[in-house]
Amino acid sequence: YRKLIVRDTGQLVGAMLVGNTEAAGTLVQLFDRGDP
């Protein structure tokens, strides 16, 4: 199960990854940096 919460500006405000976590590194970077 993979889930993203995205603000209307393209900003990642939350994520949940269960079972398939391959996107975790990229998501952490996007979240920490505030990149769109």
PDB file of all heavy atoms in Angstrom:
ATOM      1  N   TYR A   1       0.860  -1.177   0.000  1.00  0.00           N
ATOM      2  CA  TYR A   1       0.000   0.000   0.000  1.00  0.00           C
ATOM      3  C   TYR A   1       0.900   1.231   0.000  1.00  0.00           C
ATOM      4  O   TYR A   1       1.848   1.310   0.787  1.00  0.00           O
ATOM      5  CB  TYR A   1      -0.892  -0.001   1.243  1.00  0.00           C
ATOM      6  CG  TYR A   1      -1.734   1.237   1.422  1.00  0.00           C
ATOM      7  CD1 TYR A   1      -2.858   1.462   0.643  1.00  0.00           C
ATOM      8  CD2 TYR A   1      -1.403   2.191   2.384  1.00  0.00           C
ATOM      9  CE1 TYR A   1      -3.637   2.597   0.816  1.00  0.00           C
ATOM     10  CE2 TYR A   1      -2.183   3.326   2.567  1.00  0.00           C
ATOM     11  CZ  TYR A   1      -3.291   3.521   1.782  1.00  0.00           C
ATOM     12  OH  TYR A   1      -4.059   4.645   1.946  1.00  0.00           O
ATOM     13  N   ARG A   2       0.619   2.158  -0.914  1.00  0.00           N
ATOM     14  CA  ARG A   2       1.389   3.404  -0.990  1.00  0.00           C
ATOM     15  C   ARG A   2       0.416   4.562  -1.094  1.00  0.00           C
ATOM     16  O   ARG A   2      -0.541   4.495  -1.856  1.00  0.00           O
ATOM     17  CB  ARG A   2       2.328   3.367  -2.196  1.00  0.00           C
ATOM     18  CG  ARG A   2       3.401   2.288  -2.043  1.00  0.00           C
ATOM     19  CD  ARG A   2       4.184   2.078  -3.288  1.00  0.00           C
ATOM     20  NE  ARG A   2       3.391   1.237  -4.196  1.00  0.00           N
ATOM     21  CZ  ARG A   2       3.711   1.010  -5.451  1.00  0.00           C
ATOM     22  NH1 ARG A   2       4.776   1.561  -5.979  1.00  0.00           N
ATOM     23  NH2 ARG A   2       2.957   0.243  -6.196  1.00  0.00           N
ATOM     24  N   LYS A   3       0.700   5.623  -0.329  1.00  0.00           N
ATOM     25  CA  LYS A   3      -0.224   6.756  -0.281  1.00  0.00           C
ATOM     26  C   LYS A   3       0.566   8.053  -0.178  1.00  0.00           C
ATOM     27  O   LYS A   3       1.555   8.134   0.557  1.00  0.00           O
ATOM     28  CB  LYS A   3      -1.120   6.607   0.943  1.00  0.00           C
ATOM     29  CG  LYS A   3      -2.082   7.742   1.198  1.00  0.00           C
ATOM     30  CD  LYS A   3      -2.897   7.431   2.460  1.00  0.00           C
ATOM     31  CE  LYS A   3      -3.895   8.489   2.786  1.00  0.00           C
ATOM     32  NZ  LYS A   3      -4.675   8.138   3.993  1.00  0.00           N
ATOM     33  N   LEU A   4       0.124   9.063  -0.932  1.00  0.00           N
ATOM     34  CA  LEU A   4       0.702  10.402  -0.868  1.00  0.00           C
ATOM     35  C   LEU A   4      -0.397  11.399  -0.534  1.00  0.00           C
ATOM     36  O   LEU A   4      -1.509  11.288  -1.039  1.00  0.00           O
ATOM     37  CB  LEU A   4       1.311  10.820  -2.206  1.00  0.00           C
ATOM     38  CG  LEU A   4       2.473  10.030  -2.768  1.00  0.00           C
ATOM     39  CD1 LEU A   4       2.881  10.607  -4.117  1.00  0.00           C
ATOM     40  CD2 LEU A   4       3.639  10.049  -1.813  1.00  0.00           C
ATOM     41  N   ILE A   5      -0.058  12.386   0.284  1.00  0.00           N
ATOM     42  CA  ILE A   5      -0.925  13.536   0.522  1.00  0.00           C
ATOM     43  C   ILE A   5      -0.197  14.730  -0.086  1.00  0.00           C
ATOM     44  O   ILE A   5       0.939  15.032   0.286  1.00  0.00           O
ATOM     45  CB  ILE A   5      -1.177  13.785   2.024  1.00  0.00           C
ATOM     46  CG1 ILE A   5      -1.674  12.518   2.728  1.00  0.00           C
ATOM     47  CG2 ILE A   5      -2.121  14.962   2.221  1.00  0.00           C
ATOM     48  CD1 ILE A   5      -3.018  12.027   2.261  1.00  0.00           C
ATOM     49  N   VAL A   6      -0.847  15.384  -1.057  1.00  0.00           N
ATOM     50  CA  VAL A   6      -0.209  16.445  -1.836  1.00  0.00           C
ATOM     51  C   VAL A   6      -1.034  17.723  -1.731  1.00  0.00           C
ATOM     52  O   VAL A   6      -2.259  17.697  -1.918  1.00  0.00           O
ATOM     53  CB  VAL A   6      -0.089  16.024  -3.332  1.00  0.00           C
ATOM     54  CG1 VAL A   6       0.569  17.112  -4.154  1.00  0.00           C
ATOM     55  CG2 VAL A   6       0.677  14.717  -3.442  1.00  0.00           C
ATOM     56  N   ARG A   7      -0.344  18.819  -1.411  1.00  0.00           N
ATOM     57  CA  ARG A   7      -0.991  20.143  -1.396  1.00  0.00           C
ATOM     58  C   ARG A   7      -1.173  20.595  -2.828  1.00  0.00           C
ATOM     59  O   ARG A   7      -0.452  20.185  -3.738  1.00  0.00           O
ATOM     60  CB  ARG A   7      -0.097  21.178  -0.720  1.00  0.00           C
ATOM     61  CG  ARG A   7      -0.120  21.324   0.750  1.00  0.00           C
ATOM     62  CD  ARG A   7      -1.298  22.048   1.342  1.00  0.00           C
ATOM     63  NE  ARG A   7      -1.871  21.251   2.415  1.00  0.00           N
ATOM     64  CZ  ARG A   7      -1.411  21.203   3.651  1.00  0.00           C
ATOM     65  NH1 ARG A   7      -0.405  21.925   4.022  1.00  0.00           N
ATOM     66  NH2 ARG A   7      -1.985  20.416   4.526  1.00  0.00           N
ATOM     67  N   ASP A   8      -2.098  21.493  -3.055  1.00  0.00           N
ATOM     68  CA  ASP A   8      -2.435  21.950  -4.404  1.00  0.00           C
ATOM     69  C   ASP A   8      -1.256  22.597  -5.119  1.00  0.00           C
ATOM     70  O   ASP A   8      -1.276  22.760  -6.330  1.00  0.00           O
ATOM     71  CB  ASP A   8      -3.617  22.904  -4.361  1.00  0.00           C
ATOM     72  CG  ASP A   8      -3.421  24.070  -3.408  1.00  0.00           C
ATOM     73  OD1 ASP A   8      -2.375  24.152  -2.746  1.00  0.00           O
ATOM     74  OD2 ASP A   8      -4.325  24.905  -3.322  1.00  0.00           O
ATOM     75  N   THR A   9      -0.201  22.935  -4.420  1.00  0.00           N
ATOM     76  CA  THR A   9       0.989  23.521  -5.043  1.00  0.00           C
ATOM     77  C   THR A   9       1.973  22.455  -5.517  1.00  0.00           C
ATOM     78  O   THR A   9       3.062  22.783  -5.965  1.00  0.00           O
ATOM     79  CB  THR A   9       1.705  24.454  -4.051  1.00  0.00           C
ATOM     80  OG1 THR A   9       2.096  23.672  -2.904  1.00  0.00           O
ATOM     81  CG2 THR A   9       0.815  25.592  -3.621  1.00  0.00           C
ATOM     82  N   GLY A  10       1.606  21.174  -5.384  1.00  0.00           N
ATOM     83  CA  GLY A  10       2.517  20.093  -5.755  1.00  0.00           C
ATOM     84  C   GLY A  10       3.465  19.721  -4.631  1.00  0.00           C
ATOM     85  O   GLY A  10       4.439  19.012  -4.831  1.00  0.00           O
ATOM     86  N   GLN A  11       3.168  20.193  -3.428  1.00  0.00           N
ATOM     87  CA  GLN A  11       4.007  19.966  -2.257  1.00  0.00           C
ATOM     88  C   GLN A  11       3.601  18.675  -1.550  1.00  0.00           C
ATOM     89  O   GLN A  11       2.423  18.457  -1.268  1.00  0.00           O
ATOM     90  CB  GLN A  11       3.816  21.145  -1.293  1.00  0.00           C
ATOM     91  CG  GLN A  11       4.886  21.317  -0.287  1.00  0.00           C
ATOM     92  CD  GLN A  11       6.110  21.939  -0.908  1.00  0.00           C
ATOM     93  OE1 GLN A  11       6.042  22.610  -1.930  1.00  0.00           O
ATOM     94  NE2 GLN A  11       7.241  21.709  -0.310  1.00  0.00           N
ATOM     95  N   LEU A  12       4.564  17.804  -1.269  1.00  0.00           N
ATOM     96  CA  LEU A  12       4.308  16.584  -0.522  1.00  0.00           C
ATOM     97  C   LEU A  12       4.144  16.941   0.953  1.00  0.00           C
ATOM     98  O   LEU A  12       5.048  17.506   1.561  1.00  0.00           O
ATOM     99  CB  LEU A  12       5.476  15.601  -0.701  1.00  0.00           C
ATOM    100  CG  LEU A  12       5.373  14.284   0.058  1.00  0.00           C
ATOM    101  CD1 LEU A  12       4.209  13.451  -0.474  1.00  0.00           C
ATOM    102  CD2 LEU A  12       6.680  13.508  -0.067  1.00  0.00           C
ATOM    103  N   VAL A  13       2.992  16.626   1.526  1.00  0.00           N
ATOM    104  CA  VAL A  13       2.772  16.914   2.947  1.00  0.00           C
ATOM    105  C   VAL A  13       2.677  15.644   3.779  1.00  0.00           C
ATOM    106  O   VAL A  13       2.688  15.705   5.003  1.00  0.00           O
ATOM    107  CB  VAL A  13       1.526  17.803   3.179  1.00  0.00           C
ATOM    108  CG1 VAL A  13       1.738  19.183   2.613  1.00  0.00           C
ATOM    109  CG2 VAL A  13       0.275  17.174   2.645  1.00  0.00           C
ATOM    110  N   GLY A  14       2.614  14.481   3.119  1.00  0.00           N
ATOM    111  CA  GLY A  14       2.592  13.227   3.855  1.00  0.00           C
ATOM    112  C   GLY A  14       2.687  12.034   2.930  1.00  0.00           C
ATOM    113  O   GLY A  14       2.351  12.114   1.753  1.00  0.00           O
ATOM    114  N   ALA A  15       3.182  10.929   3.483  1.00  0.00           N
ATOM    115  CA  ALA A  15       3.296   9.689   2.707  1.00  0.00           C
ATOM    116  C   ALA A  15       3.269   8.488   3.641  1.00  0.00           C
ATOM    117  O   ALA A  15       3.724   8.567   4.781  1.00  0.00           O
ATOM    118  CB  ALA A  15       4.588   9.681   1.895  1.00  0.00           C
ATOM    119  N   MET A  16       2.729   7.394   3.133  1.00  0.00           N
ATOM    120  CA  MET A  16       2.738   6.132   3.851  1.00  0.00           C
ATOM    121  C   MET A  16       3.091   5.033   2.857  1.00  0.00           C
ATOM    122  O   MET A  16       2.494   4.945   1.785  1.00  0.00           O
ATOM    123  CB  MET A  16       1.365   5.831   4.459  1.00  0.00           C
ATOM    124  CG  MET A  16       1.311   4.490   5.181  1.00  0.00           C
ATOM    125  SD  MET A  16      -0.347   4.001   5.694  1.00  0.00           S
ATOM    126  CE  MET A  16      -0.741   5.286   6.834  1.00  0.00           C
ATOM    127  N   LEU A  17       4.084   4.230   3.198  1.00  0.00           N
ATOM    128  CA  LEU A  17       4.489   3.115   2.346  1.00  0.00           C
ATOM    129  C   LEU A  17       4.484   1.844   3.180  1.00  0.00           C
ATOM    130  O   LEU A  17       5.165   1.773   4.206  1.00  0.00           O
ATOM    131  CB  LEU A  17       5.900   3.347   1.788  1.00  0.00           C
ATOM    132  CG  LEU A  17       6.123   4.632   1.003  1.00  0.00           C
ATOM    133  CD1 LEU A  17       7.601   4.777   0.644  1.00  0.00           C
ATOM    134  CD2 LEU A  17       5.282   4.659  -0.245  1.00  0.00           C
ATOM    135  N   VAL A  18       3.744   0.836   2.735  1.00  0.00           N
ATOM    136  CA  VAL A  18       3.700  -0.441   3.426  1.00  0.00           C
ATOM    137  C   VAL A  18       3.957  -1.528   2.398  1.00  0.00           C
ATOM    138  O   VAL A  18       3.299  -1.587   1.374  1.00  0.00           O
ATOM    139  CB  VAL A  18       2.316  -0.667   4.094  1.00  0.00           C
ATOM    140  CG1 VAL A  18       2.259  -2.031   4.770  1.00  0.00           C
ATOM    141  CG2 VAL A  18       2.001   0.441   5.077  1.00  0.00           C
ATOM    142  N   GLY A  19       4.936  -2.373   2.657  1.00  0.00           N
ATOM    143  CA  GLY A  19       5.225  -3.488   1.763  1.00  0.00           C
ATOM    144  C   GLY A  19       6.177  -3.145   0.637  1.00  0.00           C
ATOM    145  O   GLY A  19       7.159  -3.828   0.435  1.00  0.00           O
ATOM    146  N   ASN A  20       5.917  -2.094  -0.086  1.00  0.00           N
ATOM    147  CA  ASN A  20       6.785  -1.660  -1.176  1.00  0.00           C
ATOM    148  C   ASN A  20       7.317  -0.276  -0.801  1.00  0.00           C
ATOM    149  O   ASN A  20       6.619   0.718  -0.906  1.00  0.00           O
ATOM    150  CB  ASN A  20       6.008  -1.602  -2.489  1.00  0.00           C
ATOM    151  CG  ASN A  20       6.860  -1.171  -3.660  1.00  0.00           C
ATOM    152  OD1 ASN A  20       7.947  -0.619  -3.492  1.00  0.00           O
ATOM    153  ND2 ASN A  20       6.376  -1.412  -4.863  1.00  0.00           N
ATOM    154  N   THR A  21       8.571  -0.230  -0.375  1.00  0.00           N
ATOM    155  CA  THR A  21       9.150   1.024   0.123  1.00  0.00           C
ATOM    156  C   THR A  21      10.238   1.584  -0.786  1.00  0.00           C
ATOM    157  O   THR A  21      11.034   2.407  -0.357  1.00  0.00           O
ATOM    158  CB  THR A  21       9.726   0.808   1.536  1.00  0.00           C
ATOM    159  OG1 THR A  21      10.743  -0.205   1.468  1.00  0.00           O
ATOM    160  CG2 THR A  21       8.647   0.389   2.521  1.00  0.00           C
ATOM    161  N   GLU A  22      10.279   1.164  -2.035  1.00  0.00           N
ATOM    162  CA  GLU A  22      11.347   1.603  -2.933  1.00  0.00           C
ATOM    163  C   GLU A  22      11.368   3.109  -3.166  1.00  0.00           C
ATOM    164  O   GLU A  22      12.414   3.669  -3.432  1.00  0.00           O
ATOM    165  CB  GLU A  22      11.256   0.865  -4.270  1.00  0.00           C
ATOM    166  CG  GLU A  22      11.648  -0.587  -4.136  1.00  0.00           C
ATOM    167  CD  GLU A  22      11.912  -1.244  -5.460  1.00  0.00           C
ATOM    168  OE1 GLU A  22      12.130  -0.539  -6.458  1.00  0.00           O
ATOM    169  OE2 GLU A  22      11.917  -2.474  -5.492  1.00  0.00           O
ATOM    170  N   ALA A  23      10.240   3.774  -3.038  1.00  0.00           N
ATOM    171  CA  ALA A  23      10.198   5.217  -3.266  1.00  0.00           C
ATOM    172  C   ALA A  23      10.561   6.022  -2.015  1.00  0.00           C
ATOM    173  O   ALA A  23      10.606   7.251  -2.065  1.00  0.00           O
ATOM    174  CB  ALA A  23       8.808   5.621  -3.753  1.00  0.00           C
ATOM    175  N   ALA A  24      10.850   5.360  -0.913  1.00  0.00           N
ATOM    176  CA  ALA A  24      11.063   6.055   0.364  1.00  0.00           C
ATOM    177  C   ALA A  24      12.175   7.098   0.294  1.00  0.00           C
ATOM    178  O   ALA A  24      11.994   8.225   0.768  1.00  0.00           O
ATOM    179  CB  ALA A  24      11.352   5.046   1.470  1.00  0.00           C
ATOM    180  N   GLY A  25      13.316   6.759  -0.271  1.00  0.00           N
ATOM    181  CA  GLY A  25      14.434   7.707  -0.333  1.00  0.00           C
ATOM    182  C   GLY A  25      14.070   8.978  -1.075  1.00  0.00           C
ATOM    183  O   GLY A  25      14.345  10.089  -0.607  1.00  0.00           O
ATOM    184  N   THR A  26      13.440   8.823  -2.207  1.00  0.00           N
ATOM    185  CA  THR A  26      13.032   9.978  -3.006  1.00  0.00           C
ATOM    186  C   THR A  26      11.986  10.803  -2.270  1.00  0.00           C
ATOM    187  O   THR A  26      12.058  12.033  -2.236  1.00  0.00           O
ATOM    188  CB  THR A  26      12.468   9.513  -4.365  1.00  0.00           C
ATOM    189  OG1 THR A  26      13.488   8.770  -5.049  1.00  0.00           O
ATOM    190  CG2 THR A  26      12.028  10.685  -5.217  1.00  0.00           C
ATOM    191  N   LEU A  27      11.030  10.131  -1.637  1.00  0.00           N
ATOM    192  CA  LEU A  27       9.974  10.847  -0.920  1.00  0.00           C
ATOM    193  C   LEU A  27      10.527  11.626   0.270  1.00  0.00           C
ATOM    194  O   LEU A  27      10.119  12.754   0.526  1.00  0.00           O
ATOM    195  CB  LEU A  27       8.886   9.875  -0.464  1.00  0.00           C
ATOM    196  CG  LEU A  27       8.017   9.305  -1.575  1.00  0.00           C
ATOM    197  CD1 LEU A  27       7.122   8.191  -1.046  1.00  0.00           C
ATOM    198  CD2 LEU A  27       7.192  10.388  -2.233  1.00  0.00           C
ATOM    199  N   VAL A  28      11.459  11.035   0.990  1.00  0.00           N
ATOM    200  CA  VAL A  28      12.067  11.734   2.131  1.00  0.00           C
ATOM    201  C   VAL A  28      12.773  12.997   1.649  1.00  0.00           C
ATOM    202  O   VAL A  28      12.650  14.064   2.252  1.00  0.00           O
ATOM    203  CB  VAL A  28      13.033  10.811   2.910  1.00  0.00           C
ATOM    204  CG1 VAL A  28      13.886  11.602   3.884  1.00  0.00           C
ATOM    205  CG2 VAL A  28      12.256   9.737   3.648  1.00  0.00           C
ATOM    206  N   GLN A  29      13.503  12.896   0.551  1.00  0.00           N
ATOM    207  CA  GLN A  29      14.183  14.079   0.000  1.00  0.00           C
ATOM    208  C   GLN A  29      13.180  15.154  -0.404  1.00  0.00           C
ATOM    209  O   GLN A  29      13.359  16.327  -0.085  1.00  0.00           O
ATOM    210  CB  GLN A  29      15.038  13.706  -1.212  1.00  0.00           C
ATOM    211  CG  GLN A  29      16.331  13.054  -0.849  1.00  0.00           C
ATOM    212  CD  GLN A  29      17.189  12.790  -2.079  1.00  0.00           C
ATOM    213  OE1 GLN A  29      16.718  12.862  -3.215  1.00  0.00           O
ATOM    214  NE2 GLN A  29      18.439  12.483  -1.856  1.00  0.00           N
ATOM    215  N   LEU A  30      12.131  14.772  -1.114  1.00  0.00           N
ATOM    216  CA  LEU A  30      11.124  15.741  -1.545  1.00  0.00           C
ATOM    217  C   LEU A  30      10.455  16.403  -0.340  1.00  0.00           C
ATOM    218  O   LEU A  30      10.231  17.611  -0.327  1.00  0.00           O
ATOM    219  CB  LEU A  30      10.072  15.061  -2.422  1.00  0.00           C
ATOM    220  CG  LEU A  30      10.535  14.620  -3.809  1.00  0.00           C
ATOM    221  CD1 LEU A  30       9.509  13.688  -4.440  1.00  0.00           C
ATOM    222  CD2 LEU A  30      10.785  15.821  -4.696  1.00  0.00           C
ATOM    223  N   PHE A  31      10.155  15.610   0.667  1.00  0.00           N
ATOM    224  CA  PHE A  31       9.499  16.118   1.869  1.00  0.00           C
ATOM    225  C   PHE A  31      10.424  17.055   2.650  1.00  0.00           C
ATOM    226  O   PHE A  31      10.040  18.165   3.009  1.00  0.00           O
ATOM    227  CB  PHE A  31       9.062  14.939   2.752  1.00  0.00           C
ATOM    228  CG  PHE A  31       8.286  15.337   3.968  1.00  0.00           C
ATOM    229  CD1 PHE A  31       6.940  15.640   3.874  1.00  0.00           C
ATOM    230  CD2 PHE A  31       8.898  15.386   5.211  1.00  0.00           C
ATOM    231  CE1 PHE A  31       6.214  15.999   5.000  1.00  0.00           C
ATOM    232  CE2 PHE A  31       8.190  15.745   6.336  1.00  0.00           C
ATOM    233  CZ  PHE A  31       6.839  16.049   6.237  1.00  0.00           C
ATOM    234  N   ASP A  32      11.653  16.609   2.899  1.00  0.00           N
ATOM    235  CA  ASP A  32      12.608  17.409   3.684  1.00  0.00           C
ATOM    236  C   ASP A  32      12.968  18.728   3.010  1.00  0.00           C
ATOM    237  O   ASP A  32      13.098  19.754   3.664  1.00  0.00           O
ATOM    238  CB  ASP A  32      13.886  16.624   3.958  1.00  0.00           C
ATOM    239  CG  ASP A  32      13.702  15.530   4.988  1.00  0.00           C
ATOM    240  OD1 ASP A  32      12.660  15.518   5.680  1.00  0.00           O
ATOM    241  OD2 ASP A  32      14.599  14.665   5.103  1.00  0.00           O
ATOM    242  N   ARG A  33      13.151  18.693   1.713  1.00  0.00           N
ATOM    243  CA  ARG A  33      13.571  19.890   0.972  1.00  0.00           C
ATOM    244  C   ARG A  33      12.412  20.787   0.569  1.00  0.00           C
ATOM    245  O   ARG A  33      12.620  21.931   0.187  1.00  0.00           O
ATOM    246  CB  ARG A  33      14.310  19.481  -0.294  1.00  0.00           C
ATOM    247  CG  ARG A  33      15.611  18.798  -0.030  1.00  0.00           C
ATOM    248  CD  ARG A  33      16.228  18.417  -1.333  1.00  0.00           C
ATOM    249  NE  ARG A  33      17.483  17.729  -1.117  1.00  0.00           N
ATOM    250  CZ  ARG A  33      18.189  17.171  -2.062  1.00  0.00           C
ATOM    251  NH1 ARG A  33      17.767  17.223  -3.308  1.00  0.00           N
ATOM    252  NH2 ARG A  33      19.311  16.563  -1.787  1.00  0.00           N
ATOM    253  N   GLY A  34      11.209  20.237   0.587  1.00  0.00           N
ATOM    254  CA  GLY A  34      10.058  21.019   0.136  1.00  0.00           C
ATOM    255  C   GLY A  34       9.996  21.146  -1.374  1.00  0.00           C
ATOM    256  O   GLY A  34       9.321  22.020  -1.903  1.00  0.00           O
ATOM    257  N   ASP A  35      10.719  20.256  -2.087  1.00  0.00           N
ATOM    258  CA  ASP A  35      10.707  20.286  -3.544  1.00  0.00           C
ATOM    259  C   ASP A  35       9.337  19.851  -4.070  1.00  0.00           C
ATOM    260  O   ASP A  35       8.674  19.004  -3.468  1.00  0.00           O
ATOM    261  CB  ASP A  35      11.769  19.339  -4.118  1.00  0.00           C
ATOM    262  CG  ASP A  35      13.179  19.827  -3.879  1.00  0.00           C
ATOM    263  OD1 ASP A  35      13.350  21.015  -3.561  1.00  0.00           O
ATOM    264  OD2 ASP A  35      14.115  19.010  -4.001  1.00  0.00           O
ATOM    265  N   PRO A  36       8.909  20.401  -5.209  1.00  0.00           N
ATOM    266  CA  PRO A  36       7.614  20.000  -5.777  1.00  0.00           C
ATOM    267  C   PRO A  36       7.691  18.592  -6.377  1.00  0.00           C
ATOM    268  O   PRO A  36       8.740  18.161  -6.859  1.00  0.00           O
ATOM    269  CB  PRO A  36       7.360  21.042  -6.864  1.00  0.00           C
ATOM    270  CG  PRO A  36       8.710  21.552  -7.228  1.00  0.00           C
ATOM    271  CD  PRO A  36       9.552  21.457  -5.984  1.00  0.00           C
TER     272      PRO A  36
END
